[in-house]
């Protein structure tokens, strides 16, 4: 009997983290399968806030239009004290700027986010394989072997790499015997209910606080008659299950009998889990999303952090499969685990403040929006040396958007030029443009798009910055060569020794001339070298 041919990557779990990763890998031309033990796509509201940085990720992956169509901006809070309702601005509304095109957190139930990602994956020719449950995972130096059980029996899937995106109770993490340090508070439970509702204004996220941390909240879900209810249960309270019992529980707390629930669409009992995996992978298997970290719901951080895990891992897997040093995959944990640790602290603090009725815990700002997250000081963004920054940015920071003019006078967003699985090099000034022409790029792996700004030189695309949006956002004061990673973070900033230092940074993130091993498949990614 012949062994199954190895695919490039197997993803276990088709939530936002696994689906975002699958999209990124498939658009790199990789052979990918994504399986999920559920019989169908998730149908609840659960994580309902998409942060500005994640909106940028979704735009790059090609799923943003569906997400914007399925959601809306957050309404003001409506804090109820007896018959009195006080409006409270939880999210300060901001206008888009050239460097931040999506400045506001987006309200959308998770089932719509999942479907937007699955639809994009379908456009790329891949479908989620539902109803397939992982039962066993083994690996050797060259491959991972997964046994999955579905309607047709047991299947053995062989892959060069595998990724567990299978949630907080991750089977993959348990198979790898990776610790999941933290706490689970069994006494503090929240009943979450998606229900069709009448008798309640839809222009507010209603909250009815009570003494001792008692709380009921009702958030309107866009383009529907549904609210997501969050009912904090007392330690010994049995969660009501029938619609009549849930209505009685709401009426007794809110004292508002005009509220009526007409249909229950989804329910779940949430327990605050605050946990972080001790490692983000072992050997050829990695963890993303809730499999690696679980949070309280405060601040809308979990889904966003997980999706960005996949976005960080995707290009690195693609590069290693095309021949880059496998050590590049070690930077995934080094970059993402500290981010999750910080997010855990933030969401835990917010959750505790809500229980104490602290108004500041209900405020949301730049920390939650994840635009300021940075990999500066990490393995691909050393804090040493003189070429690590400009007046506004460091290596490892998010690369801002900007508005440029093309040679024919057409305005172009920098993010439009970033979109895709490639790296981008930006030469600002004539000296940088000359060096960019000389920059050597490997013929395998992710391509390089070369842009020149402020100079007609170079064999790439020439742009101007008439409103100084690039100069201002990037803090440019002279000839500068910027290398932008495929995930939209700055891979290198050179303000002197432009060619030498940039070439060195390139070597750490791209395939080099080396003998091929089983770590690299026999194929190469479609397209290579420069993009004109």
Protein backbone atom coordinates (compact mmCIF):
# COMPACT_ATOMS: atom_id res chain seq x y z
CA UNK A 1 0.00 0.00 0.00
CA UNK A 2 1.45 3.38 -1.00
CA UNK A 3 1.68 6.11 1.59
CA UNK A 4 -0.41 9.24 0.91
CA UNK A 5 1.47 12.00 -0.85
CA UNK A 6 2.42 14.78 1.56
CA UNK A 7 0.58 18.07 1.30
CA UNK A 8 2.33 21.27 2.39
CA UNK A 9 0.22 22.26 5.41
CA UNK A 10 -2.68 20.70 7.31
CA UNK A 11 -4.76 23.11 9.42
CA UNK A 12 -6.96 21.70 12.18
CA UNK A 13 -9.74 24.14 13.01
CA UNK A 14 -11.66 26.49 10.70
CA UNK A 15 -12.38 29.46 12.94
CA UNK A 16 -10.95 32.91 12.16
CA UNK A 17 -7.36 31.96 13.06
CA UNK A 18 -7.19 28.80 10.98
CA UNK A 19 -9.17 30.28 8.09
CA UNK A 20 -6.99 33.40 7.87
CA UNK A 21 -3.91 31.20 7.82
CA UNK A 22 -5.42 28.96 5.13
CA UNK A 23 -6.15 31.95 2.89
CA UNK A 24 -2.61 33.25 3.26
CA UNK A 25 -1.07 29.87 2.47
CA UNK A 26 -3.32 29.10 -0.49
CA UNK A 27 -2.59 32.44 -2.13
CA UNK A 28 1.09 31.47 -1.93
CA UNK A 29 0.37 28.49 -4.14
CA UNK A 30 0.72 25.94 -1.36
CA UNK A 31 -1.12 22.64 -1.10
CA UNK A 32 -3.32 23.11 1.98
CA UNK A 33 -6.16 21.27 3.68
CA UNK A 34 -8.25 22.69 6.52
CA UNK A 35 -10.43 20.35 8.58
CA UNK A 36 -12.86 21.00 11.41
CA UNK A 37 -14.64 18.53 13.68
CA UNK A 38 -17.90 20.53 13.66
CA UNK A 39 -20.53 19.38 11.15
CA UNK A 40 -20.91 22.93 9.82
CA UNK A 41 -19.64 26.48 10.23
CA UNK A 42 -20.00 28.13 13.64
CA UNK A 43 -23.40 29.84 14.01
CA UNK A 44 -23.05 32.03 17.12
CA UNK A 45 -22.09 35.65 17.75
CA UNK A 46 -19.36 34.94 20.34
CA UNK A 47 -16.40 37.24 19.45
CA UNK A 48 -18.07 40.22 17.81
CA UNK A 49 -15.45 42.99 17.67
CA UNK A 50 -12.93 43.35 14.82
CA UNK A 51 -10.13 45.76 15.67
CA UNK A 52 -8.62 48.25 13.19
CA UNK A 53 -5.44 46.24 12.71
CA UNK A 54 -7.47 43.12 11.94
CA UNK A 55 -9.53 45.06 9.39
CA UNK A 56 -6.25 45.83 7.62
CA UNK A 57 -5.35 42.12 7.70
CA UNK A 58 -8.75 41.21 6.28
CA UNK A 59 -8.28 43.73 3.49
CA UNK A 60 -4.96 42.17 2.53
CA UNK A 61 -6.50 38.69 2.57
CA UNK A 62 -9.39 39.82 0.37
CA UNK A 63 -12.19 39.29 2.91
CA UNK A 64 -12.82 42.85 4.08
CA UNK A 65 -15.76 43.74 1.84
CA UNK A 66 -17.90 40.92 3.25
CA UNK A 67 -16.93 41.84 6.82
CA UNK A 68 -17.83 45.49 6.32
CA UNK A 69 -21.11 44.50 4.67
CA UNK A 70 -22.01 42.25 7.62
CA UNK A 71 -21.32 44.70 10.43
CA UNK A 72 -21.44 48.29 11.67
CA UNK A 73 -19.73 50.64 14.08
CA UNK A 74 -20.43 50.07 17.78
CA UNK A 75 -23.35 51.98 19.30
CA UNK A 76 -22.96 53.96 22.49
CA UNK A 77 -23.43 52.13 25.75
CA UNK A 78 -26.74 52.61 27.50
CA UNK A 79 -26.11 52.25 31.24
CA UNK A 80 -29.37 51.55 33.05
CA UNK A 81 -30.02 52.46 36.68
CA UNK A 82 -33.68 51.71 37.32
CA UNK A 83 -35.80 53.56 34.75
CA UNK A 84 -32.94 55.90 33.83
CA UNK A 85 -30.63 55.13 30.90
CA UNK A 86 -27.37 57.07 30.59
CA UNK A 87 -25.52 57.09 27.24
CA UNK A 88 -21.79 56.34 27.47
CA UNK A 89 -19.34 56.51 24.60
CA UNK A 90 -17.32 53.33 24.86
CA UNK A 91 -15.50 53.75 21.55
CA UNK A 92 -14.39 57.24 20.51
CA UNK A 93 -15.38 57.57 16.85
CA UNK A 94 -12.45 58.56 14.66
CA UNK A 95 -12.21 59.69 11.06
CA UNK A 96 -9.99 57.78 8.65
CA UNK A 97 -6.57 59.28 7.98
CA UNK A 98 -4.00 58.53 5.24
CA UNK A 99 -2.01 56.31 7.62
CA UNK A 100 -4.97 54.63 9.42
CA UNK A 101 -7.74 53.81 6.93
CA UNK A 102 -9.90 51.86 9.42
CA UNK A 103 -9.71 53.68 12.77
CA UNK A 104 -12.82 52.22 14.46
CA UNK A 105 -13.61 48.83 15.96
CA UNK A 106 -16.17 46.99 13.83
CA UNK A 107 -19.19 45.20 15.31
CA UNK A 108 -19.97 41.93 13.54
CA UNK A 109 -21.09 38.56 14.94
CA UNK A 110 -18.43 35.89 14.64
CA UNK A 111 -20.49 33.64 12.38
CA UNK A 112 -20.40 36.35 9.70
CA UNK A 113 -16.64 36.79 10.08
CA UNK A 114 -16.18 33.04 9.71
CA UNK A 115 -18.34 32.96 6.60
CA UNK A 116 -16.51 35.89 5.04
CA UNK A 117 -13.22 34.05 5.48
CA UNK A 118 -14.65 30.76 4.21
CA UNK A 119 -16.09 32.54 1.16
CA UNK A 120 -12.69 34.04 0.39
CA UNK A 121 -11.07 30.64 0.79
CA UNK A 122 -13.64 29.24 -1.65
CA UNK A 123 -12.73 31.94 -4.18
CA UNK A 124 -9.17 30.66 -3.99
CA UNK A 125 -10.31 27.12 -4.72
CA UNK A 126 -10.29 25.57 -1.24
CA UNK A 127 -13.15 24.52 1.02
CA UNK A 128 -13.27 23.76 4.72
CA UNK A 129 -13.70 20.02 5.32
CA UNK A 130 -16.27 19.93 8.11
CA UNK A 131 -17.12 16.83 10.14
CA UNK A 132 -13.52 15.63 10.33
CA UNK A 133 -12.10 15.18 13.83
CA UNK A 134 -8.43 14.75 14.67
CA UNK A 135 -7.75 11.63 16.75
CA UNK A 136 -3.98 11.20 16.52
CA UNK A 137 -0.98 13.29 15.52
CA UNK A 138 2.58 12.04 15.07
CA UNK A 139 5.64 13.53 13.39
CA UNK A 140 9.20 12.75 12.37
CA UNK A 141 12.00 14.88 10.95
CA UNK A 142 10.28 15.31 7.60
CA UNK A 143 6.50 15.05 7.95
CA UNK A 144 3.45 15.14 10.21
CA UNK A 145 0.89 12.34 10.09
CA UNK A 146 -2.65 13.11 11.26
CA UNK A 147 -5.48 10.63 11.66
CA UNK A 148 -8.91 12.17 11.24
CA UNK A 149 -12.31 10.55 11.55
CA UNK A 150 -15.18 11.61 9.32
CA UNK A 151 -18.33 10.24 7.76
CA UNK A 152 -16.24 8.02 5.46
CA UNK A 153 -14.17 6.55 8.29
CA UNK A 154 -10.55 7.09 9.28
CA UNK A 155 -8.24 9.02 6.97
CA UNK A 156 -4.49 9.45 7.28
CA UNK A 157 -3.22 12.86 6.16
CA UNK A 158 0.50 13.39 5.64
CA UNK A 159 1.77 16.97 5.64
CA UNK A 160 5.09 18.75 5.82
CA UNK A 161 3.68 21.00 8.55
CA UNK A 162 0.51 21.08 10.63
CA UNK A 163 -1.18 23.86 12.57
CA UNK A 164 -3.60 23.52 15.46
CA UNK A 165 -6.31 26.17 15.33
CA UNK A 166 -8.75 24.04 17.27
CA UNK A 167 -9.65 26.26 20.20
CA UNK A 168 -8.99 26.43 23.92
CA UNK A 169 -9.47 22.69 24.44
CA UNK A 170 -7.09 22.01 21.52
CA UNK A 171 -6.51 18.36 20.74
CA UNK A 172 -3.37 19.36 18.85
CA UNK A 173 -1.90 21.09 21.90
CA UNK A 174 -2.67 18.06 24.05
CA UNK A 175 -1.13 15.71 21.48
CA UNK A 176 2.03 17.83 21.61
CA UNK A 177 1.94 17.75 25.44
CA UNK A 178 2.35 21.53 25.64
CA UNK A 179 1.39 23.12 28.96
CA UNK A 180 -1.44 25.67 29.07
CA UNK A 181 -0.62 27.76 32.12
CA UNK A 182 -3.24 29.98 33.72
CA UNK A 183 -6.59 29.85 35.47
CA UNK A 184 -10.21 28.94 34.83
CA UNK A 185 -12.78 30.42 37.20
CA UNK A 186 -15.55 27.83 37.40
CA UNK A 187 -17.56 29.98 39.81
CA UNK A 188 -17.74 32.99 37.52
CA UNK A 189 -19.93 32.06 34.58
CA UNK A 190 -21.71 34.08 31.92
CA UNK A 191 -24.67 32.87 29.90
CA UNK A 192 -24.45 34.16 26.32
CA UNK A 193 -27.65 34.17 24.27
CA UNK A 194 -28.27 35.24 20.68
CA UNK A 195 -31.97 36.04 20.50
CA UNK A 196 -34.53 37.90 18.38
CA UNK A 197 -35.77 40.73 20.58
CA UNK A 198 -38.47 43.39 20.68
CA UNK A 199 -39.08 46.18 23.17
CA UNK A 200 -35.45 47.33 23.29
CA UNK A 201 -33.85 50.21 21.37
CA UNK A 202 -31.21 49.06 18.90
CA UNK A 203 -29.11 52.25 19.06
CA UNK A 204 -27.48 51.27 22.35
CA UNK A 205 -25.36 48.49 23.81
CA UNK A 206 -27.47 48.15 26.93
CA UNK A 207 -25.98 47.32 30.32
CA UNK A 208 -27.75 46.80 33.60
CA UNK A 209 -25.10 46.66 36.34
CA UNK A 210 -25.91 45.40 39.81
CA UNK A 211 -24.31 45.02 43.19
CA UNK A 212 -21.78 42.26 43.73
CA UNK A 213 -20.73 42.17 40.11
CA UNK A 214 -24.18 41.22 38.83
CA UNK A 215 -24.55 42.32 35.25
CA UNK A 216 -26.72 41.85 32.20
CA UNK A 217 -25.73 43.28 28.84
CA UNK A 218 -27.49 43.28 25.46
CA UNK A 219 -25.61 44.28 22.31
CA UNK A 220 -27.57 44.70 19.05
CA UNK A 221 -26.21 42.57 16.21
CA UNK A 222 -26.20 44.48 12.90
CA UNK A 223 -28.62 43.72 10.05
CA UNK A 224 -30.85 41.54 12.21
CA UNK A 225 -33.43 41.65 14.98
CA UNK A 226 -30.99 39.88 17.31
CA UNK A 227 -29.15 40.97 20.42
CA UNK A 228 -26.25 39.19 22.03
CA UNK A 229 -27.16 38.88 25.71
CA UNK A 230 -24.52 38.41 28.41
CA UNK A 231 -26.02 37.31 31.73
CA UNK A 232 -23.57 36.95 34.61
CA UNK A 233 -24.66 34.01 36.74
CA UNK A 234 -24.31 33.71 40.48
CA UNK A 235 -21.88 30.99 41.68
CA UNK A 236 -24.60 28.42 42.45
CA UNK A 237 -27.08 29.44 39.74
CA UNK A 238 -28.18 26.90 37.18
CA UNK A 239 -28.16 28.54 33.72
CA UNK A 240 -31.71 28.98 32.42
CA UNK A 241 -32.22 27.08 29.18
CA UNK A 242 -35.80 27.53 28.02
CA UNK A 243 -36.81 30.83 26.46
CA UNK A 244 -39.37 31.51 29.19
CA UNK A 245 -36.81 31.04 31.96
CA UNK A 246 -34.33 33.29 30.18
CA UNK A 247 -36.98 36.01 29.78
CA UNK A 248 -37.87 35.73 33.49
CA UNK A 249 -34.18 36.08 34.40
CA UNK A 250 -33.86 39.20 32.25
CA UNK A 251 -37.05 40.74 33.60
CA UNK A 252 -36.09 40.15 37.23
CA UNK A 253 -32.76 41.92 36.75
CA UNK A 254 -33.70 44.74 34.36
CA UNK A 255 -37.18 45.48 35.80
CA UNK A 256 -38.24 46.04 32.20
CA UNK A 257 -41.09 43.78 31.13
CA UNK A 258 -41.35 45.42 27.71
CA UNK A 259 -38.36 43.35 26.63
CA UNK A 260 -39.41 40.20 24.82
CA UNK A 261 -37.33 37.39 23.33
CA UNK A 262 -39.01 35.68 20.38
CA UNK A 263 -36.46 33.12 19.23
CA UNK A 264 -33.22 31.76 20.64
CA UNK A 265 -30.60 31.27 17.91
CA UNK A 266 -27.57 30.22 19.96
CA UNK A 267 -26.54 29.88 23.60
CA UNK A 268 -23.32 29.16 25.44
CA UNK A 269 -22.03 29.30 29.01
CA UNK A 270 -18.73 31.14 29.23
CA UNK A 271 -16.18 30.68 32.01
CA UNK A 272 -13.30 33.16 32.20
CA UNK A 273 -10.25 31.29 30.98
CA UNK A 274 -6.94 33.13 31.19
CA UNK A 275 -4.30 30.83 29.78
CA UNK A 276 -1.16 30.94 27.62
CA UNK A 277 0.57 27.99 25.97
CA UNK A 278 4.11 27.41 27.20
CA UNK A 279 5.20 26.98 23.59
CA UNK A 280 3.58 27.84 20.27
CA UNK A 281 4.58 24.60 18.66
CA UNK A 282 6.82 21.59 18.67
CA UNK A 283 8.75 20.27 15.71
CA UNK A 284 6.64 20.63 12.59
CA UNK A 285 3.39 21.48 14.38
CA UNK A 286 2.31 24.96 15.49
CA UNK A 287 -0.53 26.50 17.48
CA UNK A 288 -2.56 29.60 16.61
CA UNK A 289 -5.50 31.40 18.19
CA UNK A 290 -7.28 29.97 21.23
CA UNK A 291 -5.17 26.84 21.00
CA UNK A 292 -2.26 29.05 22.11
CA UNK A 293 -4.01 31.64 24.29
CA UNK A 294 -7.48 32.22 25.76
CA UNK A 295 -8.79 35.51 27.10
CA UNK A 296 -11.77 37.08 28.80
CA UNK A 297 -14.15 38.70 26.28
CA UNK A 298 -13.42 42.20 27.57
CA UNK A 299 -11.80 44.43 24.97
CA UNK A 300 -12.46 42.18 21.96
CA UNK A 301 -8.94 40.78 21.84
CA UNK A 302 -9.05 37.00 21.43
CA UNK A 303 -10.30 36.63 17.86
CA UNK A 304 -8.12 39.49 16.69
CA UNK A 305 -4.97 38.15 18.30
CA UNK A 306 -5.63 34.69 16.90
CA UNK A 307 -6.22 35.88 13.37
CA UNK A 308 -2.97 37.83 13.50
CA UNK A 309 -1.18 34.71 14.75
CA UNK A 310 -2.09 33.03 11.48
CA UNK A 311 -1.07 36.13 9.52
CA UNK A 312 2.37 36.07 11.14
CA UNK A 313 2.90 32.33 10.67
CA UNK A 314 1.65 32.09 7.08
CA UNK A 315 4.41 33.91 5.24
CA UNK A 316 7.06 32.19 7.34
CA UNK A 317 5.73 28.74 6.48
CA UNK A 318 5.63 29.76 2.83
CA UNK A 319 9.22 30.93 2.89
CA UNK A 320 10.54 27.82 4.62
CA UNK A 321 8.63 25.55 2.25
CA UNK A 322 10.31 27.46 -0.60
CA UNK A 323 13.78 26.92 0.86
CA UNK A 324 14.35 29.49 3.63
CA UNK A 325 16.16 28.46 6.79
CA UNK A 326 13.66 26.61 9.06
CA UNK A 327 14.97 28.81 11.88
CA UNK A 328 12.61 31.46 10.50
CA UNK A 329 9.73 29.46 11.97
CA UNK A 330 11.27 29.90 15.42
CA UNK A 331 10.53 33.61 15.17
CA UNK A 332 6.78 32.89 15.20
CA UNK A 333 6.67 32.06 18.90
CA UNK A 334 9.25 34.72 19.73
CA UNK A 335 7.11 37.41 18.10
CA UNK A 336 3.60 36.30 18.94
CA UNK A 337 3.81 34.87 22.45
CA UNK A 338 4.76 38.23 24.08
CA UNK A 339 1.88 39.88 22.20
CA UNK A 340 -0.59 37.36 23.63
CA UNK A 341 0.83 37.77 27.13
CA UNK A 342 0.25 41.52 26.93
CA UNK A 343 -3.25 41.08 25.56
CA UNK A 344 -4.09 38.62 28.34
CA UNK A 345 -3.14 41.23 30.90
CA UNK A 346 -5.19 43.92 29.17
CA UNK A 347 -8.39 41.87 28.78
CA UNK A 348 -8.10 40.49 32.33
CA UNK A 349 -7.79 44.00 33.76
CA UNK A 350 -10.81 45.19 31.78
CA UNK A 351 -12.87 42.18 32.87
CA UNK A 352 -12.06 42.75 36.52
CA UNK A 353 -12.96 46.42 36.22
CA UNK A 354 -16.36 45.61 34.73
CA UNK A 355 -17.12 43.38 37.72
CA UNK A 356 -16.31 46.34 40.03
CA UNK A 357 -18.43 48.72 37.94
CA UNK A 358 -15.34 50.77 37.14
CA UNK A 359 -16.30 53.14 34.28
CA UNK A 360 -12.73 53.21 32.94
CA UNK A 361 -12.95 49.48 32.26
CA UNK A 362 -15.62 50.20 29.68
CA UNK A 363 -13.47 52.63 27.72
CA UNK A 364 -11.68 51.37 24.61
CA UNK A 365 -8.69 53.01 22.97
CA UNK A 366 -5.44 52.44 21.11
CA UNK A 367 -4.35 49.50 23.28
CA UNK A 368 -7.35 47.47 22.18
CA UNK A 369 -7.09 48.51 18.52
CA UNK A 370 -3.74 46.69 18.11
CA UNK A 371 -2.29 49.29 15.74
CA UNK A 372 0.63 49.94 18.08
CA UNK A 373 1.66 46.29 18.50
CA UNK A 374 5.29 45.86 17.52
CA UNK A 375 7.91 43.17 17.05
CA UNK A 376 10.70 45.66 17.75
CA UNK A 377 13.44 44.02 19.78
CA UNK A 378 12.52 40.55 18.52
CA UNK A 379 14.62 38.15 16.44
CA UNK A 380 13.73 39.84 13.12
CA UNK A 381 13.80 43.39 14.48
CA UNK A 382 16.87 43.84 16.61
CA UNK A 383 17.02 46.93 18.79
CA UNK A 384 20.80 47.08 18.27
CA UNK A 385 22.53 49.19 15.63
CA UNK A 386 21.98 52.60 14.08
CA UNK A 387 19.66 51.64 11.23
CA UNK A 388 16.67 50.47 13.25
CA UNK A 389 14.35 53.43 12.92
CA UNK A 390 13.22 56.80 11.67
CA UNK A 391 11.80 59.73 13.62
CA UNK A 392 8.44 57.91 13.92
CA UNK A 393 9.02 54.17 13.37
CA UNK A 394 11.20 51.25 14.38
CA UNK A 395 11.91 48.00 12.61
CA UNK A 396 9.13 45.62 13.65
CA UNK A 397 6.43 48.30 13.78
CA UNK A 398 3.24 48.20 11.73
CA UNK A 399 3.83 49.79 8.32
CA UNK A 400 1.32 52.66 8.02
CA UNK A 401 -0.78 53.40 4.96
CA UNK A 402 -0.14 56.48 2.80
CA UNK A 403 -1.51 58.16 -0.32
CA UNK A 404 0.84 58.35 -3.28
CA UNK A 405 0.56 59.56 -6.85
CA UNK A 406 1.59 57.30 -9.71
CA UNK A 407 3.48 58.43 -12.79
CA UNK A 408 0.19 59.18 -14.56
CA UNK A 409 -1.17 61.22 -11.64
CA UNK A 410 -3.48 58.53 -10.27
CA UNK A 411 -3.78 58.41 -6.48
CA UNK A 412 -2.84 55.04 -4.99
CA UNK A 413 -2.97 53.79 -1.43
CA UNK A 414 0.23 52.23 -0.17
CA UNK A 415 -1.85 49.38 1.27
CA UNK A 416 -3.09 48.61 -2.26
CA UNK A 417 0.55 48.16 -3.27
CA UNK A 418 1.22 45.99 -0.21
CA UNK A 419 -1.76 43.71 -0.89
CA UNK A 420 -0.68 40.18 -1.73
CA UNK A 421 1.80 37.58 -0.49
CA UNK A 422 4.93 39.53 -1.50
CA UNK A 423 7.49 41.68 0.27
CA UNK A 424 7.63 45.37 -0.64
CA UNK A 425 10.73 47.56 -0.84
CA UNK A 426 10.27 51.34 -0.79
CA UNK A 427 13.14 53.54 -1.91
CA UNK A 428 12.70 57.12 -0.72
CA UNK A 429 15.04 59.48 -2.51
CA UNK A 430 17.39 59.07 -5.50
CA UNK A 431 20.22 57.41 -3.58
CA UNK A 432 17.88 54.78 -2.16
CA UNK A 433 16.41 54.22 -5.64
CA UNK A 434 19.86 53.43 -7.04
CA UNK A 435 20.54 50.94 -4.26
CA UNK A 436 17.14 49.33 -4.69
CA UNK A 437 18.03 48.54 -8.30
CA UNK A 438 21.05 46.63 -7.03
CA UNK A 439 19.23 44.71 -4.29
CA UNK A 440 19.51 40.98 -4.97
CA UNK A 441 16.34 38.94 -4.46
CA UNK A 442 16.07 35.13 -4.54
CA UNK A 443 14.18 33.42 -7.35
CA UNK A 444 12.12 31.23 -5.00
CA UNK A 445 9.67 32.11 -2.27
CA UNK A 446 7.76 35.35 -1.90
CA UNK A 447 8.35 37.94 -4.60
CA UNK A 448 9.57 41.49 -4.08
CA UNK A 449 7.63 44.54 -5.25
CA UNK A 450 10.02 47.50 -5.72
CA UNK A 451 8.67 51.03 -5.32
CA UNK A 452 10.49 54.35 -5.67
CA UNK A 453 9.18 57.56 -4.15
CA UNK A 454 10.60 60.97 -4.93
CA UNK A 455 12.80 59.74 -7.76
CA UNK A 456 12.28 58.64 -11.33
CA UNK A 457 15.14 56.19 -11.00
CA UNK A 458 14.70 52.46 -10.63
CA UNK A 459 13.16 49.66 -12.63
CA UNK A 460 10.09 49.42 -10.43
CA UNK A 461 7.11 51.65 -10.01
CA UNK A 462 7.78 55.36 -9.52
CA UNK A 463 5.51 57.38 -7.21
CA UNK A 464 5.44 60.84 -5.70
CA UNK A 465 4.30 61.96 -2.25
CA UNK A 466 2.80 65.40 -2.93
CA UNK A 467 0.91 65.61 0.37
CA UNK A 468 3.84 64.17 2.36
CA UNK A 469 1.65 61.41 3.77
CA UNK A 470 4.44 58.82 3.39
CA UNK A 471 7.12 61.19 4.63
CA UNK A 472 5.06 62.14 7.69
CA UNK A 473 3.84 58.67 8.69
CA UNK A 474 7.24 57.06 8.16
CA UNK A 475 9.30 59.91 9.60
CA UNK A 476 11.51 60.19 6.53
CA UNK A 477 14.15 62.94 6.46
CA UNK A 478 16.52 61.72 3.74
CA UNK A 479 17.37 58.76 1.54
CA UNK A 480 15.81 55.69 3.14
CA UNK A 481 15.30 52.11 2.02
CA UNK A 482 12.38 50.31 3.68
CA UNK A 483 11.62 46.59 3.50
CA UNK A 484 8.03 45.66 4.36
CA UNK A 485 7.24 42.09 5.32
CA UNK A 486 4.29 40.23 3.75
CA UNK A 487 2.34 40.68 7.01
CA UNK A 488 2.60 44.46 6.84
CA UNK A 489 5.30 44.96 9.45
CA UNK A 490 8.60 46.72 8.78
CA UNK A 491 11.35 44.19 8.14
CA UNK A 492 14.16 46.70 7.77
CA UNK A 493 14.86 50.43 7.77
CA UNK A 494 18.11 51.60 6.20
CA UNK A 495 19.19 55.23 6.42
CA UNK A 496 22.87 54.54 5.74
CA UNK A 497 24.75 51.64 4.19
CA UNK A 498 21.41 51.11 2.51
CA UNK A 499 22.25 48.22 0.22
CA UNK A 500 24.52 46.30 2.62
CA UNK A 501 22.20 46.39 5.63
CA UNK A 502 19.07 45.67 3.59
CA UNK A 503 20.71 42.71 1.86
CA UNK A 504 21.59 41.30 5.27
CA UNK A 505 18.00 41.65 6.46
CA UNK A 506 16.76 39.95 3.30
CA UNK A 507 18.91 36.88 3.97
CA UNK A 508 17.19 36.27 7.32
CA UNK A 509 13.74 36.06 5.72
CA UNK A 510 14.20 34.49 2.29
CA UNK A 511 15.46 31.29 0.67
CA UNK A 512 19.15 31.21 -0.15
CA UNK A 513 21.19 28.88 -2.32
CA UNK A 514 21.33 25.71 -0.24
CA UNK A 515 20.83 22.02 -0.82
CA UNK A 516 17.19 20.99 -0.84
CA UNK A 517 15.99 18.77 1.98
CA UNK A 518 12.63 17.36 2.93
CA UNK A 519 12.00 20.64 4.75
CA UNK A 520 11.50 22.13 1.30
CA UNK A 521 9.06 20.57 -1.18
CA UNK A 522 10.10 19.79 -4.71
CA UNK A 523 7.94 22.59 -6.09
CA UNK A 524 8.54 26.31 -5.82
CA UNK A 525 5.98 28.95 -5.13
CA UNK A 526 4.38 30.22 -8.32
CA UNK A 527 6.09 33.41 -9.42
CA UNK A 528 9.38 34.59 -8.03
CA UNK A 529 11.80 37.45 -8.06
CA UNK A 530 10.58 40.96 -8.76
CA UNK A 531 7.11 42.28 -9.45
CA UNK A 532 7.15 45.08 -12.01
